[in-house]
Amino acid sequence: MALSKKNKNNDGPLSGLLVIDTSQGIAGPYCGSILAGYGARVIKVDPPHGDWGRNVGAKYGTSSVYSVAYNRGKEGIVLDLKKEGDLETLYELVA
């Protein structure tokens, strides 16, 4: 399981908290970015085709400006939850 590491804030009030973010769009990813900003370790789980929110608004590289802002400070992993092995990986993260 390869995760992209982004969050270096380990001294915030939520340090030690693990959040598995399976949300898409704007509201859920934004909440996750707030938690990451306060020191939580947030792992964003994206489907193989990507979070639909990555296509909302103006582009910055291959992602939208919204996506860059709302997923800051998170680690990321792509899982196809229709595949048993990927679903098992999600269960391991949650455990």
PDB file of N, CA and C in Angstrom:
ATOM      1  N   MET A   1       0.849  -1.171   0.000  1.00  0.00           N
ATOM      2  CA  MET A   1       0.000   0.000   0.000  1.00  0.00           C
ATOM      3  C   MET A   1       0.896   1.235   0.000  1.00  0.00           C
ATOM      4  N   ALA A   2       0.861   2.012  -1.070  1.00  0.00           N
ATOM      5  CA  ALA A   2       1.690   3.204  -1.177  1.00  0.00           C
ATOM      6  C   ALA A   2       0.842   4.441  -0.947  1.00  0.00           C
ATOM      7  N   LEU A   3       1.245   5.250   0.011  1.00  0.00           N
ATOM      8  CA  LEU A   3       0.546   6.492   0.312  1.00  0.00           C
ATOM      9  C   LEU A   3       1.440   7.661  -0.046  1.00  0.00           C
ATOM     10  N   SER A   4       0.845   8.715  -0.600  1.00  0.00           N
ATOM     11  CA  SER A   4       1.607   9.936  -0.821  1.00  0.00           C
ATOM     12  C   SER A   4       1.509  10.767   0.450  1.00  0.00           C
ATOM     13  N   LYS A   5       2.653  11.119   1.029  1.00  0.00           N
ATOM     14  CA  LYS A   5       2.670  11.851   2.297  1.00  0.00           C
ATOM     15  C   LYS A   5       2.694  13.346   2.037  1.00  0.00           C
ATOM     16  N   LYS A   6       1.828  14.086   2.728  1.00  0.00           N
ATOM     17  CA  LYS A   6       1.793  15.533   2.576  1.00  0.00           C
ATOM     18  C   LYS A   6       1.846  16.260   3.910  1.00  0.00           C
ATOM     19  N   ASN A   7       1.215  15.717   4.937  1.00  0.00           N
ATOM     20  CA  ASN A   7       1.051  16.444   6.196  1.00  0.00           C
ATOM     21  C   ASN A   7       2.301  16.350   7.064  1.00  0.00           C
ATOM     22  N   LYS A   8       2.905  17.482   7.336  1.00  0.00           N
ATOM     23  CA  LYS A   8       4.083  17.539   8.199  1.00  0.00           C
ATOM     24  C   LYS A   8       3.730  18.140   9.560  1.00  0.00           C
ATOM     25  N   ASN A   9       2.453  18.491   9.777  1.00  0.00           N
ATOM     26  CA  ASN A   9       2.015  19.146  11.007  1.00  0.00           C
ATOM     27  C   ASN A   9       1.679  18.093  12.057  1.00  0.00           C
ATOM     28  N   ASN A  10       2.663  17.694  12.856  1.00  0.00           N
ATOM     29  CA  ASN A  10       2.443  16.665  13.868  1.00  0.00           C
ATOM     30  C   ASN A  10       2.291  17.240  15.265  1.00  0.00           C
ATOM     31  N   ASP A  11       2.259  18.560  15.395  1.00  0.00           N
ATOM     32  CA  ASP A  11       2.213  19.146  16.726  1.00  0.00           C
ATOM     33  C   ASP A  11       0.909  19.884  17.019  1.00  0.00           C
ATOM     34  N   GLY A  12      -0.094  19.737  16.184  1.00  0.00           N
ATOM     35  CA  GLY A  12      -1.365  20.418  16.409  1.00  0.00           C
ATOM     36  C   GLY A  12      -2.209  19.704  17.446  1.00  0.00           C
ATOM     37  N   PRO A  13      -3.339  20.297  17.828  1.00  0.00           N
ATOM     38  CA  PRO A  13      -4.186  19.714  18.861  1.00  0.00           C
ATOM     39  C   PRO A  13      -4.794  18.367  18.469  1.00  0.00           C
ATOM     40  N   LEU A  14      -4.851  18.056  17.175  1.00  0.00           N
ATOM     41  CA  LEU A  14      -5.397  16.768  16.737  1.00  0.00           C
ATOM     42  C   LEU A  14      -4.300  15.759  16.395  1.00  0.00           C
ATOM     43  N   SER A  15      -3.073  16.073  16.770  1.00  0.00           N
ATOM     44  CA  SER A  15      -1.963  15.156  16.535  1.00  0.00           C
ATOM     45  C   SER A  15      -2.281  13.796  17.148  1.00  0.00           C
ATOM     46  N   GLY A  16      -2.035  12.735  16.399  1.00  0.00           N
ATOM     47  CA  GLY A  16      -2.329  11.383  16.873  1.00  0.00           C
ATOM     48  C   GLY A  16      -3.675  10.862  16.381  1.00  0.00           C
ATOM     49  N   LEU A  17      -4.520  11.733  15.840  1.00  0.00           N
ATOM     50  CA  LEU A  17      -5.819  11.331  15.311  1.00  0.00           C
ATOM     51  C   LEU A  17      -5.658  10.904  13.858  1.00  0.00           C
ATOM     52  N   LEU A  18      -6.209   9.761  13.486  1.00  0.00           N
ATOM     53  CA  LEU A  18      -6.198   9.288  12.104  1.00  0.00           C
ATOM     54  C   LEU A  18      -7.589   9.448  11.520  1.00  0.00           C
ATOM     55  N   VAL A  19      -7.675  10.093  10.355  1.00  0.00           N
ATOM     56  CA  VAL A  19      -8.944  10.292   9.663  1.00  0.00           C
ATOM     57  C   VAL A  19      -8.836   9.648   8.285  1.00  0.00           C
ATOM     58  N   ILE A  20      -9.786   8.781   7.962  1.00  0.00           N
ATOM     59  CA  ILE A  20      -9.867   8.192   6.630  1.00  0.00           C
ATOM     60  C   ILE A  20     -10.946   8.970   5.884  1.00  0.00           C
ATOM     61  N   ASP A  21     -10.529   9.734   4.879  1.00  0.00           N
ATOM     62  CA  ASP A  21     -11.423  10.629   4.144  1.00  0.00           C
ATOM     63  C   ASP A  21     -11.824   9.978   2.831  1.00  0.00           C
ATOM     64  N   THR A  22     -13.054   9.461   2.772  1.00  0.00           N
ATOM     65  CA  THR A  22     -13.571   8.869   1.538  1.00  0.00           C
ATOM     66  C   THR A  22     -14.542   9.807   0.832  1.00  0.00           C
ATOM     67  N   SER A  23     -14.583  11.052   1.271  1.00  0.00           N
ATOM     68  CA  SER A  23     -15.520  12.017   0.701  1.00  0.00           C
ATOM     69  C   SER A  23     -15.054  12.483  -0.681  1.00  0.00           C
ATOM     70  N   GLN A  24     -15.991  13.079  -1.407  1.00  0.00           N
ATOM     71  CA  GLN A  24     -15.686  13.653  -2.711  1.00  0.00           C
ATOM     72  C   GLN A  24     -16.366  15.005  -2.825  1.00  0.00           C
ATOM     73  N   GLY A  25     -15.889  15.803  -3.747  1.00  0.00           N
ATOM     74  CA  GLY A  25     -16.512  17.091  -4.005  1.00  0.00           C
ATOM     75  C   GLY A  25     -15.836  18.221  -3.278  1.00  0.00           C
ATOM     76  N   ILE A  26     -16.614  18.957  -2.485  1.00  0.00           N
ATOM     77  CA  ILE A  26     -16.091  20.155  -1.843  1.00  0.00           C
ATOM     78  C   ILE A  26     -16.222  20.097  -0.326  1.00  0.00           C
ATOM     79  N   ALA A  27     -17.415  19.879   0.208  1.00  0.00           N
ATOM     80  CA  ALA A  27     -17.633  19.976   1.655  1.00  0.00           C
ATOM     81  C   ALA A  27     -16.809  18.960   2.441  1.00  0.00           C
ATOM     82  N   GLY A  28     -16.865  17.682   2.064  1.00  0.00           N
ATOM     83  CA  GLY A  28     -16.125  16.644   2.789  1.00  0.00           C
ATOM     84  C   GLY A  28     -14.623  16.841   2.727  1.00  0.00           C
ATOM     85  N   PRO A  29     -14.049  17.021   1.521  1.00  0.00           N
ATOM     86  CA  PRO A  29     -12.616  17.263   1.449  1.00  0.00           C
ATOM     87  C   PRO A  29     -12.176  18.519   2.205  1.00  0.00           C
ATOM     88  N   TYR A  30     -13.021  19.553   2.211  1.00  0.00           N
ATOM     89  CA  TYR A  30     -12.693  20.761   2.958  1.00  0.00           C
ATOM     90  C   TYR A  30     -12.604  20.460   4.453  1.00  0.00           C
ATOM     91  N   CYS A  31     -13.560  19.694   4.980  1.00  0.00           N
ATOM     92  CA  CYS A  31     -13.518  19.317   6.404  1.00  0.00           C
ATOM     93  C   CYS A  31     -12.237  18.552   6.713  1.00  0.00           C
ATOM     94  N   GLY A  32     -11.863  17.626   5.820  1.00  0.00           N
ATOM     95  CA  GLY A  32     -10.635  16.870   6.018  1.00  0.00           C
ATOM     96  C   GLY A  32      -9.405  17.749   6.035  1.00  0.00           C
ATOM     97  N   SER A  33      -9.386  18.779   5.193  1.00  0.00           N
ATOM     98  CA  SER A  33      -8.231  19.679   5.164  1.00  0.00           C
ATOM     99  C   SER A  33      -8.129  20.493   6.454  1.00  0.00           C
ATOM    100  N   ILE A  34      -9.265  20.834   7.043  1.00  0.00           N
ATOM    101  CA  ILE A  34      -9.257  21.545   8.332  1.00  0.00           C
ATOM    102  C   ILE A  34      -8.670  20.638   9.410  1.00  0.00           C
ATOM    103  N   LEU A  35      -9.107  19.377   9.440  1.00  0.00           N
ATOM    104  CA  LEU A  35      -8.575  18.432  10.418  1.00  0.00           C
ATOM    105  C   LEU A  35      -7.069  18.244  10.239  1.00  0.00           C
ATOM    106  N   ALA A  36      -6.612  18.155   8.987  1.00  0.00           N
ATOM    107  CA  ALA A  36      -5.172  18.029   8.712  1.00  0.00           C
ATOM    108  C   ALA A  36      -4.430  19.270   9.190  1.00  0.00           C
ATOM    109  N   GLY A  37      -5.035  20.433   9.005  1.00  0.00           N
ATOM    110  CA  GLY A  37      -4.419  21.677   9.447  1.00  0.00           C
ATOM    111  C   GLY A  37      -4.220  21.748  10.952  1.00  0.00           C
ATOM    112  N   TYR A  38      -5.047  21.016  11.683  1.00  0.00           N
ATOM    113  CA  TYR A  38      -4.917  20.963  13.135  1.00  0.00           C
ATOM    114  C   TYR A  38      -4.097  19.766  13.609  1.00  0.00           C
ATOM    115  N   GLY A  39      -3.426  19.099  12.673  1.00  0.00           N
ATOM    116  CA  GLY A  39      -2.474  18.062  13.049  1.00  0.00           C
ATOM    117  C   GLY A  39      -2.919  16.634  12.875  1.00  0.00           C
ATOM    118  N   ALA A  40      -4.172  16.387  12.485  1.00  0.00           N
ATOM    119  CA  ALA A  40      -4.618  15.011  12.274  1.00  0.00           C
ATOM    120  C   ALA A  40      -3.914  14.428  11.049  1.00  0.00           C
ATOM    121  N   ARG A  41      -3.691  13.140  11.076  1.00  0.00           N
ATOM    122  CA  ARG A  41      -3.191  12.437   9.895  1.00  0.00           C
ATOM    123  C   ARG A  41      -4.420  12.070   9.076  1.00  0.00           C
ATOM    124  N   VAL A  42      -4.557  12.666   7.900  1.00  0.00           N
ATOM    125  CA  VAL A  42      -5.725  12.451   7.047  1.00  0.00           C
ATOM    126  C   VAL A  42      -5.281  11.699   5.798  1.00  0.00           C
ATOM    127  N   ILE A  43      -5.924  10.572   5.549  1.00  0.00           N
ATOM    128  CA  ILE A  43      -5.654   9.787   4.344  1.00  0.00           C
ATOM    129  C   ILE A  43      -6.867   9.900   3.437  1.00  0.00           C
ATOM    130  N   LYS A  44      -6.677  10.525   2.286  1.00  0.00           N
ATOM    131  CA  LYS A  44      -7.742  10.716   1.297  1.00  0.00           C
ATOM    132  C   LYS A  44      -7.784   9.495   0.394  1.00  0.00           C
ATOM    133  N   VAL A  45      -8.935   8.834   0.344  1.00  0.00           N
ATOM    134  CA  VAL A  45      -9.134   7.664  -0.504  1.00  0.00           C
ATOM    135  C   VAL A  45      -9.890   8.104  -1.746  1.00  0.00           C
ATOM    136  N   ASP A  46      -9.234   7.981  -2.894  1.00  0.00           N
ATOM    137  CA  ASP A  46      -9.860   8.348  -4.163  1.00  0.00           C
ATOM    138  C   ASP A  46     -10.186   7.105  -4.967  1.00  0.00           C
ATOM    139  N   PRO A  47     -11.290   7.139  -5.734  1.00  0.00           N
ATOM    140  CA  PRO A  47     -11.573   6.041  -6.657  1.00  0.00           C
ATOM    141  C   PRO A  47     -10.614   6.128  -7.853  1.00  0.00           C
ATOM    142  N   PRO A  48     -10.497   5.049  -8.631  1.00  0.00           N
ATOM    143  CA  PRO A  48      -9.564   5.056  -9.768  1.00  0.00           C
ATOM    144  C   PRO A  48      -9.778   6.207 -10.750  1.00  0.00           C
ATOM    145  N   HIS A  49     -11.012   6.623 -10.962  1.00  0.00           N
ATOM    146  CA  HIS A  49     -11.292   7.724 -11.887  1.00  0.00           C
ATOM    147  C   HIS A  49     -11.104   9.091 -11.227  1.00  0.00           C
ATOM    148  N   GLY A  50     -10.811   9.113  -9.943  1.00  0.00           N
ATOM    149  CA  GLY A  50     -10.557  10.367  -9.230  1.00  0.00           C
ATOM    150  C   GLY A  50     -11.811  10.964  -8.624  1.00  0.00           C
ATOM    151  N   ASP A  51     -11.610  11.836  -7.685  1.00  0.00           N
ATOM    152  CA  ASP A  51     -12.673  12.590  -7.033  1.00  0.00           C
ATOM    153  C   ASP A  51     -13.244  13.568  -8.057  1.00  0.00           C
ATOM    154  N   TRP A  52     -14.563  13.602  -8.212  1.00  0.00           N
ATOM    155  CA  TRP A  52     -15.160  14.506  -9.195  1.00  0.00           C
ATOM    156  C   TRP A  52     -14.838  15.959  -8.898  1.00  0.00           C
ATOM    157  N   GLY A  53     -14.522  16.275  -7.653  1.00  0.00           N
ATOM    158  CA  GLY A  53     -14.178  17.641  -7.271  1.00  0.00           C
ATOM    159  C   GLY A  53     -12.878  18.127  -7.896  1.00  0.00           C
ATOM    160  N   ARG A  54     -12.060  17.219  -8.399  1.00  0.00           N
ATOM    161  CA  ARG A  54     -10.805  17.617  -9.048  1.00  0.00           C
ATOM    162  C   ARG A  54     -11.045  18.342 -10.372  1.00  0.00           C
ATOM    163  N   ASN A  55     -12.286  18.302 -10.857  1.00  0.00           N
ATOM    164  CA  ASN A  55     -12.616  18.947 -12.132  1.00  0.00           C
ATOM    165  C   ASN A  55     -13.481  20.195 -11.969  1.00  0.00           C
ATOM    166  N   VAL A  56     -13.708  20.629 -10.728  1.00  0.00           N
ATOM    167  CA  VAL A  56     -14.542  21.806 -10.480  1.00  0.00           C
ATOM    168  C   VAL A  56     -13.664  23.056 -10.453  1.00  0.00           C
ATOM    169  N   GLY A  57     -14.031  24.055 -11.234  1.00  0.00           N
ATOM    170  CA  GLY A  57     -13.306  25.328 -11.218  1.00  0.00           C
ATOM    171  C   GLY A  57     -12.065  25.324 -12.104  1.00  0.00           C
ATOM    172  N   ALA A  58     -11.263  26.365 -11.934  1.00  0.00           N
ATOM    173  CA  ALA A  58     -10.054  26.561 -12.744  1.00  0.00           C
ATOM    174  C   ALA A  58      -9.022  25.483 -12.438  1.00  0.00           C
ATOM    175  N   LYS A  59      -8.236  25.125 -13.441  1.00  0.00           N
ATOM    176  CA  LYS A  59      -7.222  24.079 -13.296  1.00  0.00           C
ATOM    177  C   LYS A  59      -5.896  24.646 -12.811  1.00  0.00           C
ATOM    178  N   TYR A  60      -5.212  23.851 -11.989  1.00  0.00           N
ATOM    179  CA  TYR A  60      -3.839  24.116 -11.552  1.00  0.00           C
ATOM    180  C   TYR A  60      -3.094  22.822 -11.806  1.00  0.00           C
ATOM    181  N   GLY A  61      -2.362  22.766 -12.907  1.00  0.00           N
ATOM    182  CA  GLY A  61      -1.745  21.503 -13.314  1.00  0.00           C
ATOM    183  C   GLY A  61      -2.831  20.552 -13.759  1.00  0.00           C
ATOM    184  N   THR A  62      -2.872  19.363 -13.152  1.00  0.00           N
ATOM    185  CA  THR A  62      -3.884  18.377 -13.530  1.00  0.00           C
ATOM    186  C   THR A  62      -5.092  18.399 -12.609  1.00  0.00           C
ATOM    187  N   SER A  63      -5.072  19.224 -11.581  1.00  0.00           N
ATOM    188  CA  SER A  63      -6.186  19.302 -10.634  1.00  0.00           C
ATOM    189  C   SER A  63      -6.784  20.698 -10.631  1.00  0.00           C
ATOM    190  N   SER A  64      -7.997  20.789 -10.105  1.00  0.00           N
ATOM    191  CA  SER A  64      -8.616  22.107  -9.996  1.00  0.00           C
ATOM    192  C   SER A  64      -8.058  22.839  -8.781  1.00  0.00           C
ATOM    193  N   VAL A  65      -8.216  24.147  -8.785  1.00  0.00           N
ATOM    194  CA  VAL A  65      -7.773  24.963  -7.657  1.00  0.00           C
ATOM    195  C   VAL A  65      -8.503  24.530  -6.383  1.00  0.00           C
ATOM    196  N   TYR A  66      -9.798  24.212  -6.507  1.00  0.00           N
ATOM    197  CA  TYR A  66     -10.555  23.743  -5.346  1.00  0.00           C
ATOM    198  C   TYR A  66      -9.944  22.467  -4.774  1.00  0.00           C
ATOM    199  N   SER A  67      -9.620  21.533  -5.650  1.00  0.00           N
ATOM    200  CA  SER A  67      -9.063  20.257  -5.207  1.00  0.00           C
ATOM    201  C   SER A  67      -7.733  20.440  -4.485  1.00  0.00           C
ATOM    202  N   VAL A  68      -6.893  21.301  -5.023  1.00  0.00           N
ATOM    203  CA  VAL A  68      -5.598  21.564  -4.388  1.00  0.00           C
ATOM    204  C   VAL A  68      -5.815  22.157  -2.993  1.00  0.00           C
ATOM    205  N   ALA A  69      -6.731  23.110  -2.883  1.00  0.00           N
ATOM    206  CA  ALA A  69      -6.993  23.765  -1.598  1.00  0.00           C
ATOM    207  C   ALA A  69      -7.645  22.817  -0.600  1.00  0.00           C
ATOM    208  N   TYR A  70      -8.612  22.019  -1.060  1.00  0.00           N
ATOM    209  CA  TYR A  70      -9.397  21.191  -0.140  1.00  0.00           C
ATOM    210  C   TYR A  70      -8.729  19.868   0.206  1.00  0.00           C
ATOM    211  N   ASN A  71      -7.634  19.536  -0.444  1.00  0.00           N
ATOM    212  CA  ASN A  71      -6.921  18.296  -0.126  1.00  0.00           C
ATOM    213  C   ASN A  71      -5.521  18.562   0.405  1.00  0.00           C
ATOM    214  N   ARG A  72      -5.251  19.788   0.775  1.00  0.00           N
ATOM    215  CA  ARG A  72      -3.928  20.113   1.293  1.00  0.00           C
ATOM    216  C   ARG A  72      -3.692  19.413   2.632  1.00  0.00           C
ATOM    217  N   GLY A  73      -2.464  19.011   2.848  1.00  0.00           N
ATOM    218  CA  GLY A  73      -2.095  18.398   4.116  1.00  0.00           C
ATOM    219  C   GLY A  73      -2.494  16.943   4.267  1.00  0.00           C
ATOM    220  N   LYS A  74      -3.011  16.329   3.217  1.00  0.00           N
ATOM    221  CA  LYS A  74      -3.485  14.951   3.309  1.00  0.00           C
ATOM    222  C   LYS A  74      -2.513  14.000   2.616  1.00  0.00           C
ATOM    223  N   GLU A  75      -2.555  12.754   3.047  1.00  0.00           N
ATOM    224  CA  GLU A  75      -1.927  11.675   2.300  1.00  0.00           C
ATOM    225  C   GLU A  75      -2.984  11.165   1.337  1.00  0.00           C
ATOM    226  N   GLY A  76      -2.573  10.470   0.295  1.00  0.00           N
ATOM    227  CA  GLY A  76      -3.554   9.998  -0.663  1.00  0.00           C
ATOM    228  C   GLY A  76      -3.297   8.572  -1.107  1.00  0.00           C
ATOM    229  N   ILE A  77      -4.384   7.880  -1.394  1.00  0.00           N
ATOM    230  CA  ILE A  77      -4.320   6.522  -1.919  1.00  0.00           C
ATOM    231  C   ILE A  77      -5.494   6.335  -2.877  1.00  0.00           C
ATOM    232  N   VAL A  78      -5.272   5.585  -3.946  1.00  0.00           N
ATOM    233  CA  VAL A  78      -6.336   5.264  -4.896  1.00  0.00           C
ATOM    234  C   VAL A  78      -6.759   3.824  -4.651  1.00  0.00           C
ATOM    235  N   LEU A  79      -8.048   3.636  -4.385  1.00  0.00           N
ATOM    236  CA  LEU A  79      -8.596   2.300  -4.150  1.00  0.00           C
ATOM    237  C   LEU A  79      -9.874   2.124  -4.954  1.00  0.00           C
ATOM    238  N   ASP A  80     -10.009   0.976  -5.580  1.00  0.00           N
ATOM    239  CA  ASP A  80     -11.250   0.603  -6.260  1.00  0.00           C
ATOM    240  C   ASP A  80     -12.026  -0.272  -5.291  1.00  0.00           C
ATOM    241  N   LEU A  81     -12.992   0.294  -4.604  1.00  0.00           N
ATOM    242  CA  LEU A  81     -13.698  -0.405  -3.540  1.00  0.00           C
ATOM    243  C   LEU A  81     -14.629  -1.501  -4.057  1.00  0.00           C
ATOM    244  N   LYS A  82     -14.708  -1.662  -5.375  1.00  0.00           N
ATOM    245  CA  LYS A  82     -15.447  -2.785  -5.955  1.00  0.00           C
ATOM    246  C   LYS A  82     -14.564  -4.028  -6.066  1.00  0.00           C
ATOM    247  N   LYS A  83     -13.263  -3.847  -5.797  1.00  0.00           N
ATOM    248  CA  LYS A  83     -12.324  -4.971  -5.828  1.00  0.00           C
ATOM    249  C   LYS A  83     -12.055  -5.419  -4.398  1.00  0.00           C
ATOM    250  N   GLU A  84     -12.140  -6.724  -4.175  1.00  0.00           N
ATOM    251  CA  GLU A  84     -12.003  -7.261  -2.824  1.00  0.00           C
ATOM    252  C   GLU A  84     -10.679  -6.867  -2.171  1.00  0.00           C
ATOM    253  N   GLY A  85      -9.581  -6.921  -2.913  1.00  0.00           N
ATOM    254  CA  GLY A  85      -8.275  -6.572  -2.347  1.00  0.00           C
ATOM    255  C   GLY A  85      -8.201  -5.121  -1.911  1.00  0.00           C
ATOM    256  N   ASP A  86      -8.757  -4.217  -2.713  1.00  0.00           N
ATOM    257  CA  ASP A  86      -8.751  -2.794  -2.359  1.00  0.00           C
ATOM    258  C   ASP A  86      -9.683  -2.512  -1.185  1.00  0.00           C
ATOM    259  N   LEU A  87     -10.807  -3.213  -1.138  1.00  0.00           N
ATOM    260  CA  LEU A  87     -11.725  -3.057  -0.011  1.00  0.00           C
ATOM    261  C   LEU A  87     -11.059  -3.541   1.278  1.00  0.00           C
ATOM    262  N   GLU A  88     -10.308  -4.621   1.190  1.00  0.00           N
ATOM    263  CA  GLU A  88      -9.568  -5.125   2.346  1.00  0.00           C
ATOM    264  C   GLU A  88      -8.527  -4.102   2.801  1.00  0.00           C
ATOM    265  N   THR A  89      -7.872  -3.421   1.870  1.00  0.00           N
ATOM    266  CA  THR A  89      -6.914  -2.373   2.206  1.00  0.00           C
ATOM    267  C   THR A  89      -7.597  -1.250   2.984  1.00  0.00           C
ATOM    268  N   LEU A  90      -8.807  -0.866   2.559  1.00  0.00           N
ATOM    269  CA  LEU A  90      -9.559   0.159   3.288  1.00  0.00           C
ATOM    270  C   LEU A  90      -9.861  -0.312   4.700  1.00  0.00           C
ATOM    271  N   TYR A  91     -10.286  -1.551   4.842  1.00  0.00           N
ATOM    272  CA  TYR A  91     -10.561  -2.104   6.186  1.00  0.00           C
ATOM    273  C   TYR A  91      -9.310  -2.066   7.065  1.00  0.00           C
ATOM    274  N   GLU A  92      -8.149  -2.353   6.474  1.00  0.00           N
ATOM    275  CA  GLU A  92      -6.903  -2.312   7.237  1.00  0.00           C
ATOM    276  C   GLU A  92      -6.575  -0.885   7.698  1.00  0.00           C
ATOM    277  N   LEU A  93      -6.821   0.086   6.821  1.00  0.00           N
ATOM    278  CA  LEU A  93      -6.596   1.484   7.202  1.00  0.00           C
ATOM    279  C   LEU A  93      -7.500   1.892   8.358  1.00  0.00           C
ATOM    280  N   VAL A  94      -8.759   1.495   8.281  1.00  0.00           N
ATOM    281  CA  VAL A  94      -9.720   1.858   9.315  1.00  0.00           C
ATOM    282  C   VAL A  94      -9.398   1.167  10.641  1.00  0.00           C
ATOM    283  N   ALA A  95      -8.926  -0.072  10.560  1.00  0.00           N
ATOM    284  CA  ALA A  95      -8.600  -0.821  11.781  1.00  0.00           C
ATOM    285  C   ALA A  95      -7.434  -0.154  12.497  1.00  0.00           C
TER     286      ALA A  95
END
